[in-house]
Amino acid sequence: MWFESWSEIFRVVAVGAAAYVTLVIVLRVSGKRSLAKLNAFDLVVTVALGSTLATVILDANVSWLEGAVAFATLTVLQFVITWVTTRAPRARAAVSASPTLLLRDGAPFEEAMRRQRVTIGELRQAARGAGNGDLADVGAVVLESDGSLSVVAAQNMGDATALEDVEMNNPA
């Protein structure tokens, strides 16, 4: 159907605007964590929020208040999960991936790269993006829990304490 009634169009506009404003307010109240780079858990919450917003806007059987309660519920659940994961390492491991060392002192760890589905070309791209023309000048490349690649130049490795929480079950 192309058109049912002006009242349905008005409802979509009015409820859509109200739901959007409500979602923005809920996200602002929930803090920066909701808007940070996404790990798998954050992505699920983001998709659920978007799906809820679409449902509130387009489904006349779902009221604005029901949508607002759904936004708040998802945000509170995200807060509870992040609160628990900051206090319990096992819970953190269940919710988000740990960072993985893919290259150390210019030498790529092929098994870790294969396991994480990262190519040597992607490592080279990350090295170039960090201003390195030679992998030998790279002290470490880490696949972070949000999927980004962090590059540490060899001259900046220091005592490597920044790598303490990185999965390093790579061949020596």
C-alpha atoms as a PDB file:
ATOM      1  CA  MET A   1       0.000   0.000   0.000  1.00  0.00           C
ATOM      2  CA  TRP A   2       1.209   3.453  -0.832  1.00  0.00           C
ATOM      3  CA  PHE A   3      -0.933   5.467   1.543  1.00  0.00           C
ATOM      4  CA  GLU A   4      -3.515   4.755   4.213  1.00  0.00           C
ATOM      5  CA  SER A   5      -4.243   8.020   5.966  1.00  0.00           C
ATOM      6  CA  TRP A   6      -2.789  11.348   6.976  1.00  0.00           C
ATOM      7  CA  SER A   7      -3.256  10.416  10.628  1.00  0.00           C
ATOM      8  CA  GLU A   8      -0.821   7.488  10.211  1.00  0.00           C
ATOM      9  CA  ILE A   9       1.729   9.784   8.565  1.00  0.00           C
ATOM     10  CA  PHE A  10       1.301  12.322  11.376  1.00  0.00           C
ATOM     11  CA  ARG A  11       1.719   9.526  13.968  1.00  0.00           C
ATOM     12  CA  VAL A  12       5.007   8.393  12.360  1.00  0.00           C
ATOM     13  CA  VAL A  13       6.342  11.955  12.355  1.00  0.00           C
ATOM     14  CA  ALA A  14       5.184  12.796  15.895  1.00  0.00           C
ATOM     15  CA  VAL A  15       6.113   9.505  17.561  1.00  0.00           C
ATOM     16  CA  GLY A  16       9.310   9.266  15.502  1.00  0.00           C
ATOM     17  CA  ALA A  17      10.473  12.696  16.653  1.00  0.00           C
ATOM     18  CA  ALA A  18       9.544  11.978  20.275  1.00  0.00           C
ATOM     19  CA  ALA A  19      11.221   8.551  20.213  1.00  0.00           C
ATOM     20  CA  TYR A  20      14.354  10.016  18.631  1.00  0.00           C
ATOM     21  CA  VAL A  21      14.619  12.761  21.248  1.00  0.00           C
ATOM     22  CA  THR A  22      14.013  10.180  23.985  1.00  0.00           C
ATOM     23  CA  LEU A  23      16.764   7.929  22.625  1.00  0.00           C
ATOM     24  CA  VAL A  24      19.225  10.825  22.457  1.00  0.00           C
ATOM     25  CA  ILE A  25      18.416  11.758  26.068  1.00  0.00           C
ATOM     26  CA  VAL A  26      18.780   8.138  27.229  1.00  0.00           C
ATOM     27  CA  LEU A  27      22.144   7.853  25.457  1.00  0.00           C
ATOM     28  CA  ARG A  28      23.382  11.135  26.961  1.00  0.00           C
ATOM     29  CA  VAL A  29      22.330  10.053  30.456  1.00  0.00           C
ATOM     30  CA  SER A  30      23.964   6.633  30.008  1.00  0.00           C
ATOM     31  CA  GLY A  31      27.356   8.230  29.409  1.00  0.00           C
ATOM     32  CA  LYS A  32      30.162   7.958  26.912  1.00  0.00           C
ATOM     33  CA  ARG A  33      30.347   4.166  27.096  1.00  0.00           C
ATOM     34  CA  SER A  34      27.226   3.882  24.935  1.00  0.00           C
ATOM     35  CA  LEU A  35      28.899   5.892  22.201  1.00  0.00           C
ATOM     36  CA  ALA A  36      32.422   4.427  22.367  1.00  0.00           C
ATOM     37  CA  LYS A  37      34.012   2.161  19.797  1.00  0.00           C
ATOM     38  CA  LEU A  38      31.956  -0.989  19.718  1.00  0.00           C
ATOM     39  CA  ASN A  39      32.856  -4.411  21.005  1.00  0.00           C
ATOM     40  CA  ALA A  40      30.433  -7.272  20.313  1.00  0.00           C
ATOM     41  CA  PHE A  41      28.268  -6.510  23.357  1.00  0.00           C
ATOM     42  CA  ASP A  42      28.026  -2.803  22.528  1.00  0.00           C
ATOM     43  CA  LEU A  43      27.122  -3.647  18.932  1.00  0.00           C
ATOM     44  CA  VAL A  44      24.234  -5.857  20.094  1.00  0.00           C
ATOM     45  CA  VAL A  45      22.901  -3.069  22.313  1.00  0.00           C
ATOM     46  CA  THR A  46      23.239  -0.540  19.481  1.00  0.00           C
ATOM     47  CA  VAL A  47      21.387  -2.775  17.035  1.00  0.00           C
ATOM     48  CA  ALA A  48      18.680  -3.452  19.639  1.00  0.00           C
ATOM     49  CA  LEU A  49      18.258   0.288  20.258  1.00  0.00           C
ATOM     50  CA  GLY A  50      17.965   0.927  16.521  1.00  0.00           C
ATOM     51  CA  SER A  51      15.475  -1.881  16.093  1.00  0.00           C
ATOM     52  CA  THR A  52      13.431  -0.581  18.999  1.00  0.00           C
ATOM     53  CA  LEU A  53      13.460   2.936  17.549  1.00  0.00           C
ATOM     54  CA  ALA A  54      12.239   1.623  14.184  1.00  0.00           C
ATOM     55  CA  THR A  55       9.509  -0.417  15.850  1.00  0.00           C
ATOM     56  CA  VAL A  56       8.287   2.540  17.922  1.00  0.00           C
ATOM     57  CA  ILE A  57       8.197   4.753  14.843  1.00  0.00           C
ATOM     58  CA  LEU A  58       6.514   2.328  12.450  1.00  0.00           C
ATOM     59  CA  ASP A  59       4.335   0.025  14.561  1.00  0.00           C
ATOM     60  CA  ALA A  60       1.129   1.748  15.656  1.00  0.00           C
ATOM     61  CA  ASN A  61       0.633  -1.007  18.258  1.00  0.00           C
ATOM     62  CA  VAL A  62       3.729   0.155  20.173  1.00  0.00           C
ATOM     63  CA  SER A  63       3.305   3.352  22.151  1.00  0.00           C
ATOM     64  CA  TRP A  64       5.963   5.994  22.698  1.00  0.00           C
ATOM     65  CA  LEU A  65       6.011   5.114  26.425  1.00  0.00           C
ATOM     66  CA  GLU A  66       6.623   1.441  25.671  1.00  0.00           C
ATOM     67  CA  GLY A  67       9.514   2.471  23.426  1.00  0.00           C
ATOM     68  CA  ALA A  68      10.924   4.788  26.087  1.00  0.00           C
ATOM     69  CA  VAL A  69      10.780   1.954  28.633  1.00  0.00           C
ATOM     70  CA  ALA A  70      12.504  -0.371  26.137  1.00  0.00           C
ATOM     71  CA  PHE A  71      15.291   2.222  25.571  1.00  0.00           C
ATOM     72  CA  ALA A  72      15.740   2.624  29.307  1.00  0.00           C
ATOM     73  CA  THR A  73      15.736  -1.154  29.867  1.00  0.00           C
ATOM     74  CA  LEU A  74      18.432  -1.752  27.256  1.00  0.00           C
ATOM     75  CA  THR A  75      20.522   1.096  28.635  1.00  0.00           C
ATOM     76  CA  VAL A  76      20.179  -0.120  32.237  1.00  0.00           C
ATOM     77  CA  LEU A  77      21.124  -3.654  31.137  1.00  0.00           C
ATOM     78  CA  GLN A  78      24.197  -2.260  29.379  1.00  0.00           C
ATOM     79  CA  PHE A  79      25.101  -0.317  32.530  1.00  0.00           C
ATOM     80  CA  VAL A  80      24.687  -3.439  34.710  1.00  0.00           C
ATOM     81  CA  ILE A  81      26.792  -5.568  32.359  1.00  0.00           C
ATOM     82  CA  THR A  82      29.566  -2.970  32.158  1.00  0.00           C
ATOM     83  CA  TRP A  83      29.475  -2.486  35.944  1.00  0.00           C
ATOM     84  CA  VAL A  84      29.844  -6.253  36.467  1.00  0.00           C
ATOM     85  CA  THR A  85      32.568  -6.615  33.817  1.00  0.00           C
ATOM     86  CA  THR A  86      34.683  -3.870  35.361  1.00  0.00           C
ATOM     87  CA  ARG A  87      34.680  -5.809  38.628  1.00  0.00           C
ATOM     88  CA  ALA A  88      34.795  -9.450  37.489  1.00  0.00           C
ATOM     89  CA  PRO A  89      37.459 -10.515  34.962  1.00  0.00           C
ATOM     90  CA  ARG A  90      35.583 -13.709  34.078  1.00  0.00           C
ATOM     91  CA  ALA A  91      32.461 -11.737  33.235  1.00  0.00           C
ATOM     92  CA  ARG A  92      34.571  -9.366  31.119  1.00  0.00           C
ATOM     93  CA  ALA A  93      35.992 -12.327  29.191  1.00  0.00           C
ATOM     94  CA  ALA A  94      32.468 -13.617  28.528  1.00  0.00           C
ATOM     95  CA  VAL A  95      31.242 -10.274  27.177  1.00  0.00           C
ATOM     96  CA  SER A  96      34.190  -8.917  25.223  1.00  0.00           C
ATOM     97  CA  ALA A  97      37.180 -10.337  23.430  1.00  0.00           C
ATOM     98  CA  SER A  98      40.652  -9.749  24.767  1.00  0.00           C
ATOM     99  CA  PRO A  99      43.201  -7.931  22.623  1.00  0.00           C
ATOM    100  CA  THR A 100      45.525 -10.181  20.600  1.00  0.00           C
ATOM    101  CA  LEU A 101      49.173  -9.604  19.705  1.00  0.00           C
ATOM    102  CA  LEU A 102      49.616 -10.049  15.955  1.00  0.00           C
ATOM    103  CA  LEU A 103      53.163  -8.781  15.491  1.00  0.00           C
ATOM    104  CA  ARG A 104      56.127  -8.281  17.826  1.00  0.00           C
ATOM    105  CA  ASP A 105      59.478  -6.717  16.966  1.00  0.00           C
ATOM    106  CA  GLY A 106      58.662  -6.714  13.256  1.00  0.00           C
ATOM    107  CA  ALA A 107      57.757 -10.442  13.171  1.00  0.00           C
ATOM    108  CA  PRO A 108      54.117 -11.359  12.447  1.00  0.00           C
ATOM    109  CA  PHE A 109      52.504 -14.181  14.418  1.00  0.00           C
ATOM    110  CA  GLU A 110      50.895 -16.141  11.586  1.00  0.00           C
ATOM    111  CA  GLU A 111      48.815 -18.443  13.795  1.00  0.00           C
ATOM    112  CA  ALA A 112      47.323 -15.507  15.707  1.00  0.00           C
ATOM    113  CA  MET A 113      46.668 -13.701  12.425  1.00  0.00           C
ATOM    114  CA  ARG A 114      44.971 -16.786  10.970  1.00  0.00           C
ATOM    115  CA  ARG A 115      42.883 -17.269  14.128  1.00  0.00           C
ATOM    116  CA  GLN A 116      41.795 -13.617  14.082  1.00  0.00           C
ATOM    117  CA  ARG A 117      41.361 -13.544  10.273  1.00  0.00           C
ATOM    118  CA  VAL A 118      43.831 -10.695   9.733  1.00  0.00           C
ATOM    119  CA  THR A 119      46.041 -10.596   6.658  1.00  0.00           C
ATOM    120  CA  ILE A 120      49.629  -9.431   6.362  1.00  0.00           C
ATOM    121  CA  GLY A 121      48.308  -6.693   4.081  1.00  0.00           C
ATOM    122  CA  GLU A 122      46.139  -5.365   6.914  1.00  0.00           C
ATOM    123  CA  LEU A 123      49.170  -5.338   9.237  1.00  0.00           C
ATOM    124  CA  ARG A 124      51.159  -3.426   6.621  1.00  0.00           C
ATOM    125  CA  GLN A 125      48.292  -0.967   6.187  1.00  0.00           C
ATOM    126  CA  ALA A 126      48.147  -0.375   9.951  1.00  0.00           C
ATOM    127  CA  ALA A 127      51.923   0.122  10.056  1.00  0.00           C
ATOM    128  CA  ARG A 128      51.766   2.622   7.186  1.00  0.00           C
ATOM    129  CA  GLY A 129      48.852   4.402   8.850  1.00  0.00           C
ATOM    130  CA  ALA A 130      50.999   4.836  11.950  1.00  0.00           C
ATOM    131  CA  GLY A 131      53.832   6.315   9.882  1.00  0.00           C
ATOM    132  CA  ASN A 132      56.063   3.241   9.601  1.00  0.00           C
ATOM    133  CA  GLY A 133      57.562   2.249   6.273  1.00  0.00           C
ATOM    134  CA  ASP A 134      59.244  -0.907   7.517  1.00  0.00           C
ATOM    135  CA  LEU A 135      57.710  -3.642   9.689  1.00  0.00           C
ATOM    136  CA  ALA A 136      61.098  -3.930  11.397  1.00  0.00           C
ATOM    137  CA  ASP A 137      60.378  -0.471  12.855  1.00  0.00           C
ATOM    138  CA  VAL A 138      57.170  -1.765  14.459  1.00  0.00           C
ATOM    139  CA  GLY A 139      57.447  -3.033  18.011  1.00  0.00           C
ATOM    140  CA  ALA A 140      53.909  -4.434  18.206  1.00  0.00           C
ATOM    141  CA  VAL A 141      50.573  -4.609  16.418  1.00  0.00           C
ATOM    142  CA  VAL A 142      47.587  -5.487  18.578  1.00  0.00           C
ATOM    143  CA  LEU A 143      44.100  -6.407  17.409  1.00  0.00           C
ATOM    144  CA  GLU A 144      41.998  -4.610  20.015  1.00  0.00           C
ATOM    145  CA  SER A 145      38.703  -5.887  21.412  1.00  0.00           C
ATOM    146  CA  ASP A 146      36.810  -3.367  19.264  1.00  0.00           C
ATOM    147  CA  GLY A 147      38.437  -4.706  16.082  1.00  0.00           C
ATOM    148  CA  SER A 148      40.876  -1.844  15.554  1.00  0.00           C
ATOM    149  CA  LEU A 149      44.604  -2.377  15.060  1.00  0.00           C
ATOM    150  CA  SER A 150      46.952  -0.556  17.443  1.00  0.00           C
ATOM    151  CA  VAL A 151      50.521  -0.016  16.281  1.00  0.00           C
ATOM    152  CA  VAL A 152      53.394   0.661  18.681  1.00  0.00           C
ATOM    153  CA  ALA A 153      56.622   1.824  17.063  1.00  0.00           C
ATOM    154  CA  ALA A 154      59.756  -0.070  18.120  1.00  0.00           C
ATOM    155  CA  GLN A 155      61.346   3.066  19.578  1.00  0.00           C
ATOM    156  CA  ASN A 156      58.213   3.571  21.739  1.00  0.00           C
ATOM    157  CA  MET A 157      58.021   0.046  23.209  1.00  0.00           C
ATOM    158  CA  GLY A 158      59.721   0.935  26.492  1.00  0.00           C
ATOM    159  CA  ASP A 159      59.092  -1.829  29.029  1.00  0.00           C
ATOM    160  CA  ALA A 160      55.966  -2.975  27.091  1.00  0.00           C
ATOM    161  CA  THR A 161      53.638  -2.599  30.089  1.00  0.00           C
ATOM    162  CA  ALA A 162      50.921  -1.448  27.673  1.00  0.00           C
ATOM    163  CA  LEU A 163      50.856  -5.045  26.389  1.00  0.00           C
ATOM    164  CA  GLU A 164      50.189  -6.662  29.789  1.00  0.00           C
ATOM    165  CA  ASP A 165      46.503  -7.448  29.072  1.00  0.00           C
ATOM    166  CA  VAL A 166      47.168  -8.653  25.517  1.00  0.00           C
ATOM    167  CA  GLU A 167      46.706 -12.291  24.569  1.00  0.00           C
ATOM    168  CA  MET A 168      50.216 -13.484  23.716  1.00  0.00           C
ATOM    169  CA  ASN A 169      49.909 -17.226  23.233  1.00  0.00           C
ATOM    170  CA  ASN A 170      52.021 -16.925  20.113  1.00  0.00           C
ATOM    171  CA  PRO A 171      55.125 -18.881  19.156  1.00  0.00           C
ATOM    172  CA  ALA A 172      58.294 -17.409  20.596  1.00  0.00           C
END
